[in-house]
């Protein structure tokens, strides 16, 4: 029985719950206590995913900037052609 289970068991016994019920409740509560190794692995996986997302967002920002410049040149070219067509 882990330390947490023993503490829960003792607390339940102090309020008059039978040994069997106190033991079952302490074991049930410990099953819901996440393993720290699993949590650390999950956090490291999340950190890796976030860093991947940061790289992807930076790439998208660069691509968007290039797209904006291209759109600006195309709009300027169309404006020039329209101006030439109506002014001439």
PDB file of N, CA and C in Angstrom:
ATOM      1  N   UNK A   1       0.855  -1.160   0.000  1.00  0.00           N
ATOM      2  CA  UNK A   1       0.000   0.000   0.000  1.00  0.00           C
ATOM      3  C   UNK A   1       0.909   1.232   0.000  1.00  0.00           C
ATOM      4  N   UNK A   2       0.646   2.149  -0.957  1.00  0.00           N
ATOM      5  CA  UNK A   2       1.476   3.345  -1.061  1.00  0.00           C
ATOM      6  C   UNK A   2       1.161   4.299   0.094  1.00  0.00           C
ATOM      7  N   UNK A   3       1.964   5.342   0.188  1.00  0.00           N
ATOM      8  CA  UNK A   3       1.785   6.322   1.260  1.00  0.00           C
ATOM      9  C   UNK A   3       0.423   7.002   1.160  1.00  0.00           C
ATOM     10  N   UNK A   4       0.052   7.355  -0.083  1.00  0.00           N
ATOM     11  CA  UNK A   4      -1.247   8.003  -0.260  1.00  0.00           C
ATOM     12  C   UNK A   4      -2.382   7.054   0.134  1.00  0.00           C
ATOM     13  N   UNK A   5      -2.271   5.800  -0.272  1.00  0.00           N
ATOM     14  CA  UNK A   5      -3.310   4.833   0.075  1.00  0.00           C
ATOM     15  C   UNK A   5      -3.409   4.678   1.590  1.00  0.00           C
ATOM     16  N   UNK A   6      -2.261   4.647   2.254  1.00  0.00           N
ATOM     17  CA  UNK A   6      -2.257   4.489   3.714  1.00  0.00           C
ATOM     18  C   UNK A   6      -2.893   5.696   4.389  1.00  0.00           C
ATOM     19  N   UNK A   7      -2.596   6.900   3.872  1.00  0.00           N
ATOM     20  CA  UNK A   7      -3.175   8.108   4.456  1.00  0.00           C
ATOM     21  C   UNK A   7      -4.696   8.142   4.274  1.00  0.00           C
ATOM     22  N   UNK A   8      -5.145   7.767   3.076  1.00  0.00           N
ATOM     23  CA  UNK A   8      -6.584   7.740   2.813  1.00  0.00           C
ATOM     24  C   UNK A   8      -7.248   6.673   3.672  1.00  0.00           C
ATOM     25  N   UNK A   9      -6.614   5.513   3.755  1.00  0.00           N
ATOM     26  CA  UNK A   9      -7.141   4.418   4.567  1.00  0.00           C
ATOM     27  C   UNK A   9      -7.280   4.860   6.024  1.00  0.00           C
ATOM     28  N   UNK A  10      -6.225   5.482   6.556  1.00  0.00           N
ATOM     29  CA  UNK A  10      -6.263   5.939   7.957  1.00  0.00           C
ATOM     30  C   UNK A  10      -7.343   6.995   8.167  1.00  0.00           C
ATOM     31  N   UNK A  11      -7.496   7.906   7.200  1.00  0.00           N
ATOM     32  CA  UNK A  11      -8.516   8.955   7.328  1.00  0.00           C
ATOM     33  C   UNK A  11      -9.914   8.344   7.325  1.00  0.00           C
ATOM     34  N   UNK A  12     -10.134   7.385   6.465  1.00  0.00           N
ATOM     35  CA  UNK A  12     -11.447   6.743   6.400  1.00  0.00           C
ATOM     36  C   UNK A  12     -11.719   5.911   7.661  1.00  0.00           C
ATOM     37  N   UNK A  13     -10.695   5.263   8.160  1.00  0.00           N
ATOM     38  CA  UNK A  13     -10.863   4.467   9.391  1.00  0.00           C
ATOM     39  C   UNK A  13     -11.165   5.377  10.577  1.00  0.00           C
ATOM     40  N   UNK A  14     -10.580   6.596  10.566  1.00  0.00           N
ATOM     41  CA  UNK A  14     -10.784   7.505  11.700  1.00  0.00           C
ATOM     42  C   UNK A  14     -12.216   8.023  11.778  1.00  0.00           C
ATOM     43  N   UNK A  15     -12.942   7.955  10.667  1.00  0.00           N
ATOM     44  CA  UNK A  15     -14.346   8.399  10.713  1.00  0.00           C
ATOM     45  C   UNK A  15     -15.310   7.228  10.818  1.00  0.00           C
ATOM     46  N   UNK A  16     -14.767   6.021  11.053  1.00  0.00           N
ATOM     47  CA  UNK A  16     -15.611   4.883  11.375  1.00  0.00           C
ATOM     48  C   UNK A  16     -15.985   3.973  10.213  1.00  0.00           C
ATOM     49  N   UNK A  17     -15.294   4.053   9.096  1.00  0.00           N
ATOM     50  CA  UNK A  17     -15.586   3.166   7.965  1.00  0.00           C
ATOM     51  C   UNK A  17     -14.842   1.850   8.182  1.00  0.00           C
ATOM     52  N   UNK A  18     -15.463   0.748   7.772  1.00  0.00           N
ATOM     53  CA  UNK A  18     -14.863  -0.570   7.984  1.00  0.00           C
ATOM     54  C   UNK A  18     -13.569  -0.710   7.190  1.00  0.00           C
ATOM     55  N   UNK A  19     -12.737  -1.675   7.644  1.00  0.00           N
ATOM     56  CA  UNK A  19     -11.442  -1.903   6.986  1.00  0.00           C
ATOM     57  C   UNK A  19     -11.603  -2.234   5.505  1.00  0.00           C
ATOM     58  N   UNK A  20     -12.560  -3.084   5.169  1.00  0.00           N
ATOM     59  CA  UNK A  20     -12.739  -3.502   3.783  1.00  0.00           C
ATOM     60  C   UNK A  20     -13.118  -2.320   2.888  1.00  0.00           C
ATOM     61  N   UNK A  21     -14.070  -1.516   3.371  1.00  0.00           N
ATOM     62  CA  UNK A  21     -14.519  -0.369   2.580  1.00  0.00           C
ATOM     63  C   UNK A  21     -13.431   0.692   2.477  1.00  0.00           C
ATOM     64  N   UNK A  22     -12.713   0.927   3.565  1.00  0.00           N
ATOM     65  CA  UNK A  22     -11.636   1.921   3.557  1.00  0.00           C
ATOM     66  C   UNK A  22     -10.516   1.486   2.611  1.00  0.00           C
ATOM     67  N   UNK A  23     -10.173   0.201   2.635  1.00  0.00           N
ATOM     68  CA  UNK A  23      -9.131  -0.319   1.754  1.00  0.00           C
ATOM     69  C   UNK A  23      -9.553  -0.220   0.294  1.00  0.00           C
ATOM     70  N   UNK A  24     -10.791  -0.574  -0.008  1.00  0.00           N
ATOM     71  CA  UNK A  24     -11.290  -0.504  -1.385  1.00  0.00           C
ATOM     72  C   UNK A  24     -11.321   0.939  -1.888  1.00  0.00           C
ATOM     73  N   UNK A  25     -11.742   1.851  -1.030  1.00  0.00           N
ATOM     74  CA  UNK A  25     -11.799   3.258  -1.422  1.00  0.00           C
ATOM     75  C   UNK A  25     -10.393   3.815  -1.659  1.00  0.00           C
ATOM     76  N   UNK A  26      -9.442   3.466  -0.808  1.00  0.00           N
ATOM     77  CA  UNK A  26      -8.066   3.944  -0.963  1.00  0.00           C
ATOM     78  C   UNK A  26      -7.460   3.410  -2.254  1.00  0.00           C
ATOM     79  N   UNK A  27      -7.723   2.144  -2.561  1.00  0.00           N
ATOM     80  CA  UNK A  27      -7.208   1.568  -3.809  1.00  0.00           C
ATOM     81  C   UNK A  27      -7.867   2.209  -5.026  1.00  0.00           C
ATOM     82  N   UNK A  28      -9.151   2.479  -4.951  1.00  0.00           N
ATOM     83  CA  UNK A  28      -9.858   3.114  -6.067  1.00  0.00           C
ATOM     84  C   UNK A  28      -9.322   4.523  -6.312  1.00  0.00           C
ATOM     85  N   UNK A  29      -9.050   5.256  -5.245  1.00  0.00           N
ATOM     86  CA  UNK A  29      -8.495   6.604  -5.407  1.00  0.00           C
ATOM     87  C   UNK A  29      -7.098   6.573  -5.990  1.00  0.00           C
ATOM     88  N   UNK A  30      -6.311   5.580  -5.623  1.00  0.00           N
ATOM     89  CA  UNK A  30      -4.935   5.520  -6.140  1.00  0.00           C
ATOM     90  C   UNK A  30      -4.912   5.160  -7.623  1.00  0.00           C
ATOM     91  N   UNK A  31      -5.937   4.480  -8.102  1.00  0.00           N
ATOM     92  CA  UNK A  31      -5.991   4.153  -9.533  1.00  0.00           C
ATOM     93  C   UNK A  31      -6.188   5.408 -10.369  1.00  0.00           C
ATOM     94  N   UNK A  32      -6.798   6.434  -9.808  1.00  0.00           N
ATOM     95  CA  UNK A  32      -7.035   7.676 -10.522  1.00  0.00           C
ATOM     96  C   UNK A  32      -5.863   8.637 -10.402  1.00  0.00           C
ATOM     97  N   UNK A  33      -4.882   8.291  -9.580  1.00  0.00           N
ATOM     98  CA  UNK A  33      -3.697   9.124  -9.426  1.00  0.00           C
ATOM     99  C   UNK A  33      -2.759   8.826 -10.600  1.00  0.00           C
ATOM    100  N   UNK A  34      -2.497   9.806 -11.469  1.00  0.00           N
ATOM    101  CA  UNK A  34      -1.672   9.545 -12.642  1.00  0.00           C
ATOM    102  C   UNK A  34      -0.215   9.286 -12.261  1.00  0.00           C
ATOM    103  N   UNK A  35       0.417   8.471 -13.051  1.00  0.00           N
ATOM    104  CA  UNK A  35       1.821   8.156 -12.854  1.00  0.00           C
ATOM    105  C   UNK A  35       2.659   9.347 -13.325  1.00  0.00           C
ATOM    106  N   UNK A  36       3.586   9.791 -12.519  1.00  0.00           N
ATOM    107  CA  UNK A  36       4.392  10.968 -12.866  1.00  0.00           C
ATOM    108  C   UNK A  36       5.257  10.711 -14.092  1.00  0.00           C
ATOM    109  N   UNK A  37       5.723   9.501 -14.273  1.00  0.00           N
ATOM    110  CA  UNK A  37       6.521   9.184 -15.463  1.00  0.00           C
ATOM    111  C   UNK A  37       5.707   9.351 -16.735  1.00  0.00           C
ATOM    112  N   UNK A  38       4.460   8.930 -16.675  1.00  0.00           N
ATOM    113  CA  UNK A  38       3.577   9.089 -17.828  1.00  0.00           C
ATOM    114  C   UNK A  38       3.297  10.551 -18.093  1.00  0.00           C
ATOM    115  N   UNK A  39       3.076  11.320 -17.036  1.00  0.00           N
ATOM    116  CA  UNK A  39       2.830  12.756 -17.196  1.00  0.00           C
ATOM    117  C   UNK A  39       4.041  13.457 -17.797  1.00  0.00           C
ATOM    118  N   UNK A  40       5.233  13.102 -17.338  1.00  0.00           N
ATOM    119  CA  UNK A  40       6.445  13.721 -17.876  1.00  0.00           C
ATOM    120  C   UNK A  40       6.622  13.374 -19.351  1.00  0.00           C
ATOM    121  N   UNK A  41       6.316  12.145 -19.716  1.00  0.00           N
ATOM    122  CA  UNK A  41       6.417  11.745 -21.122  1.00  0.00           C
ATOM    123  C   UNK A  41       5.399  12.501 -21.967  1.00  0.00           C
ATOM    124  N   UNK A  42       4.196  12.664 -21.435  1.00  0.00           N
ATOM    125  CA  UNK A  42       3.167  13.406 -22.159  1.00  0.00           C
ATOM    126  C   UNK A  42       3.560  14.873 -22.334  1.00  0.00           C
ATOM    127  N   UNK A  43       4.126  15.461 -21.303  1.00  0.00           N
ATOM    128  CA  UNK A  43       4.553  16.864 -21.382  1.00  0.00           C
ATOM    129  C   UNK A  43       5.669  17.026 -22.400  1.00  0.00           C
ATOM    130  N   UNK A  44       6.622  16.102 -22.411  1.00  0.00           N
ATOM    131  CA  UNK A  44       7.711  16.205 -23.388  1.00  0.00           C
ATOM    132  C   UNK A  44       7.189  16.017 -24.810  1.00  0.00           C
ATOM    133  N   UNK A  45       6.194  15.154 -24.984  1.00  0.00           N
ATOM    134  CA  UNK A  45       5.577  14.992 -26.299  1.00  0.00           C
ATOM    135  C   UNK A  45       4.866  16.273 -26.719  1.00  0.00           C
ATOM    136  N   UNK A  46       4.158  16.892 -25.787  1.00  0.00           N
ATOM    137  CA  UNK A  46       3.479  18.158 -26.080  1.00  0.00           C
ATOM    138  C   UNK A  46       4.471  19.258 -26.432  1.00  0.00           C
ATOM    139  N   UNK A  47       5.598  19.305 -25.724  1.00  0.00           N
ATOM    140  CA  UNK A  47       6.619  20.307 -26.035  1.00  0.00           C
ATOM    141  C   UNK A  47       7.158  20.105 -27.446  1.00  0.00           C
ATOM    142  N   UNK A  48       7.387  18.867 -27.829  1.00  0.00           N
ATOM    143  CA  UNK A  48       7.876  18.581 -29.181  1.00  0.00           C
ATOM    144  C   UNK A  48       6.834  18.983 -30.216  1.00  0.00           C
ATOM    145  N   UNK A  49       5.566  18.697 -29.933  1.00  0.00           N
ATOM    146  CA  UNK A  49       4.501  19.079 -30.863  1.00  0.00           C
ATOM    147  C   UNK A  49       4.381  20.587 -30.994  1.00  0.00           C
ATOM    148  N   UNK A  50       4.513  21.302 -29.894  1.00  0.00           N
ATOM    149  CA  UNK A  50       4.427  22.761 -29.927  1.00  0.00           C
ATOM    150  C   UNK A  50       5.599  23.339 -30.713  1.00  0.00           C
ATOM    151  N   UNK A  51       6.786  22.800 -30.519  1.00  0.00           N
ATOM    152  CA  UNK A  51       7.935  23.317 -31.268  1.00  0.00           C
ATOM    153  C   UNK A  51       7.774  23.044 -32.761  1.00  0.00           C
ATOM    154  N   UNK A  52       7.192  21.906 -33.120  1.00  0.00           N
ATOM    155  CA  UNK A  52       6.907  21.616 -34.522  1.00  0.00           C
ATOM    156  C   UNK A  52       5.892  22.606 -35.079  1.00  0.00           C
ATOM    157  N   UNK A  53       4.869  22.909 -34.296  1.00  0.00           N
ATOM    158  CA  UNK A  53       3.866  23.884 -34.718  1.00  0.00           C
ATOM    159  C   UNK A  53       4.471  25.270 -34.895  1.00  0.00           C
ATOM    160  N   UNK A  54       5.395  25.645 -34.027  1.00  0.00           N
ATOM    161  CA  UNK A  54       6.049  26.946 -34.150  1.00  0.00           C
ATOM    162  C   UNK A  54       6.815  27.041 -35.467  1.00  0.00           C
ATOM    163  N   UNK A  55       7.503  25.969 -35.828  1.00  0.00           N
ATOM    164  CA  UNK A  55       8.237  25.953 -37.095  1.00  0.00           C
ATOM    165  C   UNK A  55       7.264  26.043 -38.265  1.00  0.00           C
ATOM    166  N   UNK A  56       6.166  25.306 -38.186  1.00  0.00           N
ATOM    167  CA  UNK A  56       5.170  25.339 -39.257  1.00  0.00           C
ATOM    168  C   UNK A  56       4.548  26.728 -39.406  1.00  0.00           C
ATOM    169  N   UNK A  57       4.253  27.385 -38.298  1.00  0.00           N
ATOM    170  CA  UNK A  57       3.667  28.722 -38.349  1.00  0.00           C
ATOM    171  C   UNK A  57       4.675  29.712 -38.938  1.00  0.00           C
ATOM    172  N   UNK A  58       5.938  29.592 -38.575  1.00  0.00           N
ATOM    173  CA  UNK A  58       6.955  30.483 -39.134  1.00  0.00           C
ATOM    174  C   UNK A  58       7.061  30.294 -40.645  1.00  0.00           C
ATOM    175  N   UNK A  59       6.977  29.045 -41.098  1.00  0.00           N
ATOM    176  CA  UNK A  59       7.013  28.771 -42.531  1.00  0.00           C
ATOM    177  C   UNK A  59       5.797  29.377 -43.222  1.00  0.00           C
ATOM    178  N   UNK A  60       4.636  29.246 -42.625  1.00  0.00           N
ATOM    179  CA  UNK A  60       3.430  29.828 -43.200  1.00  0.00           C
ATOM    180  C   UNK A  60       3.515  31.351 -43.266  1.00  0.00           C
ATOM    181  N   UNK A  61       4.078  31.971 -42.243  1.00  0.00           N
ATOM    182  CA  UNK A  61       4.232  33.431 -42.259  1.00  0.00           C
ATOM    183  C   UNK A  61       5.126  33.859 -43.416  1.00  0.00           C
ATOM    184  N   UNK A  62       6.201  33.129 -43.631  1.00  0.00           N
ATOM    185  CA  UNK A  62       7.107  33.444 -44.736  1.00  0.00           C
ATOM    186  C   UNK A  62       6.395  33.281 -46.071  1.00  0.00           C
ATOM    187  N   UNK A  63       5.667  32.191 -46.222  1.00  0.00           N
ATOM    188  CA  UNK A  63       4.928  31.958 -47.462  1.00  0.00           C
ATOM    189  C   UNK A  63       3.880  33.034 -47.697  1.00  0.00           C
ATOM    190  N   UNK A  64       3.213  33.465 -46.643  1.00  0.00           N
ATOM    191  CA  UNK A  64       2.196  34.514 -46.778  1.00  0.00           C
ATOM    192  C   UNK A  64       2.833  35.839 -47.193  1.00  0.00           C
ATOM    193  N   UNK A  65       3.994  36.144 -46.654  1.00  0.00           N
ATOM    194  CA  UNK A  65       4.674  37.387 -47.021  1.00  0.00           C
ATOM    195  C   UNK A  65       5.036  37.377 -48.508  1.00  0.00           C
ATOM    196  N   UNK A  66       5.541  36.256 -48.993  1.00  0.00           N
ATOM    197  CA  UNK A  66       5.876  36.137 -50.417  1.00  0.00           C
ATOM    198  C   UNK A  66       4.607  36.267 -51.256  1.00  0.00           C
ATOM    199  N   UNK A  67       3.530  35.650 -50.807  1.00  0.00           N
ATOM    200  CA  UNK A  67       2.260  35.735 -51.534  1.00  0.00           C
ATOM    201  C   UNK A  67       1.732  37.155 -51.600  1.00  0.00           C
ATOM    202  N   UNK A  68       1.903  37.896 -50.519  1.00  0.00           N
ATOM    203  CA  UNK A  68       1.457  39.292 -50.511  1.00  0.00           C
ATOM    204  C   UNK A  68       2.255  40.130 -51.510  1.00  0.00           C
ATOM    205  N   UNK A  69       3.561  39.917 -51.568  1.00  0.00           N
ATOM    206  CA  UNK A  69       4.377  40.652 -52.532  1.00  0.00           C
ATOM    207  C   UNK A  69       3.969  40.310 -53.965  1.00  0.00           C
ATOM    208  N   UNK A  70       3.739  39.033 -54.206  1.00  0.00           N
ATOM    209  CA  UNK A  70       3.336  38.607 -55.553  1.00  0.00           C
ATOM    210  C   UNK A  70       1.992  39.227 -55.932  1.00  0.00           C
ATOM    211  N   UNK A  71       1.052  39.229 -55.014  1.00  0.00           N
ATOM    212  CA  UNK A  71      -0.258  39.821 -55.270  1.00  0.00           C
ATOM    213  C   UNK A  71      -0.131  41.324 -55.529  1.00  0.00           C
ATOM    214  N   UNK A  72       0.752  41.986 -54.809  1.00  0.00           N
ATOM    215  CA  UNK A  72       0.988  43.414 -55.016  1.00  0.00           C
ATOM    216  C   UNK A  72       1.527  43.695 -56.405  1.00  0.00           C
ATOM    217  N   UNK A  73       2.487  42.886 -56.871  1.00  0.00           N
ATOM    218  CA  UNK A  73       3.036  43.070 -58.215  1.00  0.00           C
ATOM    219  C   UNK A  73       1.984  42.810 -59.285  1.00  0.00           C
ATOM    220  N   UNK A  74       1.173  41.791 -59.068  1.00  0.00           N
ATOM    221  CA  UNK A  74       0.113  41.485 -60.047  1.00  0.00           C
ATOM    222  C   UNK A  74      -0.910  42.623 -60.087  1.00  0.00           C
ATOM    223  N   UNK A  75      -1.320  43.113 -58.924  1.00  0.00           N
ATOM    224  CA  UNK A  75      -2.280  44.221 -58.878  1.00  0.00           C
ATOM    225  C   UNK A  75      -1.698  45.464 -59.544  1.00  0.00           C
ATOM    226  N   UNK A  76      -0.418  45.744 -59.311  1.00  0.00           N
ATOM    227  CA  UNK A  76       0.219  46.901 -59.952  1.00  0.00           C
ATOM    228  C   UNK A  76       0.266  46.720 -61.465  1.00  0.00           C
ATOM    229  N   UNK A  77       0.543  45.523 -61.925  1.00  0.00           N
ATOM    230  CA  UNK A  77       0.570  45.250 -63.369  1.00  0.00           C
ATOM    231  C   UNK A  77      -0.804  45.429 -63.997  1.00  0.00           C
ATOM    232  N   UNK A  78      -1.840  44.923 -63.344  1.00  0.00           N
ATOM    233  CA  UNK A  78      -3.201  45.074 -63.869  1.00  0.00           C
ATOM    234  C   UNK A  78      -3.601  46.545 -63.886  1.00  0.00           C
ATOM    235  N   UNK A  79      -3.279  47.267 -62.816  1.00  0.00           N
ATOM    236  CA  UNK A  79      -3.588  48.688 -62.763  1.00  0.00           C
ATOM    237  C   UNK A  79      -2.880  49.433 -63.897  1.00  0.00           C
ATOM    238  N   UNK A  80      -1.626  49.070 -64.134  1.00  0.00           N
ATOM    239  CA  UNK A  80      -0.866  49.711 -65.224  1.00  0.00           C
ATOM    240  C   UNK A  80      -1.506  49.419 -66.568  1.00  0.00           C
ATOM    241  N   UNK A  81      -1.913  48.171 -66.810  1.00  0.00           N
ATOM    242  CA  UNK A  81      -2.559  47.818 -68.087  1.00  0.00           C
ATOM    243  C   UNK A  81      -3.880  48.552 -68.259  1.00  0.00           C
ATOM    244  N   UNK A  82      -4.685  48.630 -67.187  1.00  0.00           N
ATOM    245  CA  UNK A  82      -5.949  49.356 -67.261  1.00  0.00           C
ATOM    246  C   UNK A  82      -5.735  50.850 -67.509  1.00  0.00           C
ATOM    247  N   UNK A  83      -4.758  51.409 -66.829  1.00  0.00           N
ATOM    248  CA  UNK A  83      -4.445  52.823 -67.020  1.00  0.00           C
ATOM    249  C   UNK A  83      -4.003  53.098 -68.446  1.00  0.00           C
ATOM    250  N   UNK A  84      -3.172  52.207 -68.970  1.00  0.00           N
ATOM    251  CA  UNK A  84      -2.682  52.361 -70.343  1.00  0.00           C
ATOM    252  C   UNK A  84      -3.832  52.224 -71.341  1.00  0.00           C
ATOM    253  N   UNK A  85      -4.766  51.318 -71.065  1.00  0.00           N
ATOM    254  CA  UNK A  85      -5.874  51.078 -71.999  1.00  0.00           C
ATOM    255  C   UNK A  85      -6.840  52.259 -72.043  1.00  0.00           C
ATOM    256  N   UNK A  86      -7.069  52.897 -70.909  1.00  0.00           N
ATOM    257  CA  UNK A  86      -8.056  53.969 -70.883  1.00  0.00           C
ATOM    258  C   UNK A  86      -7.440  55.351 -71.122  1.00  0.00           C
ATOM    259  N   UNK A  87      -6.186  55.525 -70.877  1.00  0.00           N
ATOM    260  CA  UNK A  87      -5.553  56.827 -71.070  1.00  0.00           C
ATOM    261  C   UNK A  87      -5.075  57.000 -72.505  1.00  0.00           C
ATOM    262  N   UNK A  88      -4.707  55.973 -73.148  1.00  0.00           N
ATOM    263  CA  UNK A  88      -4.153  56.067 -74.497  1.00  0.00           C
ATOM    264  C   UNK A  88      -5.154  56.541 -75.434  1.00  0.00           C
TER     265      UNK A  88
END
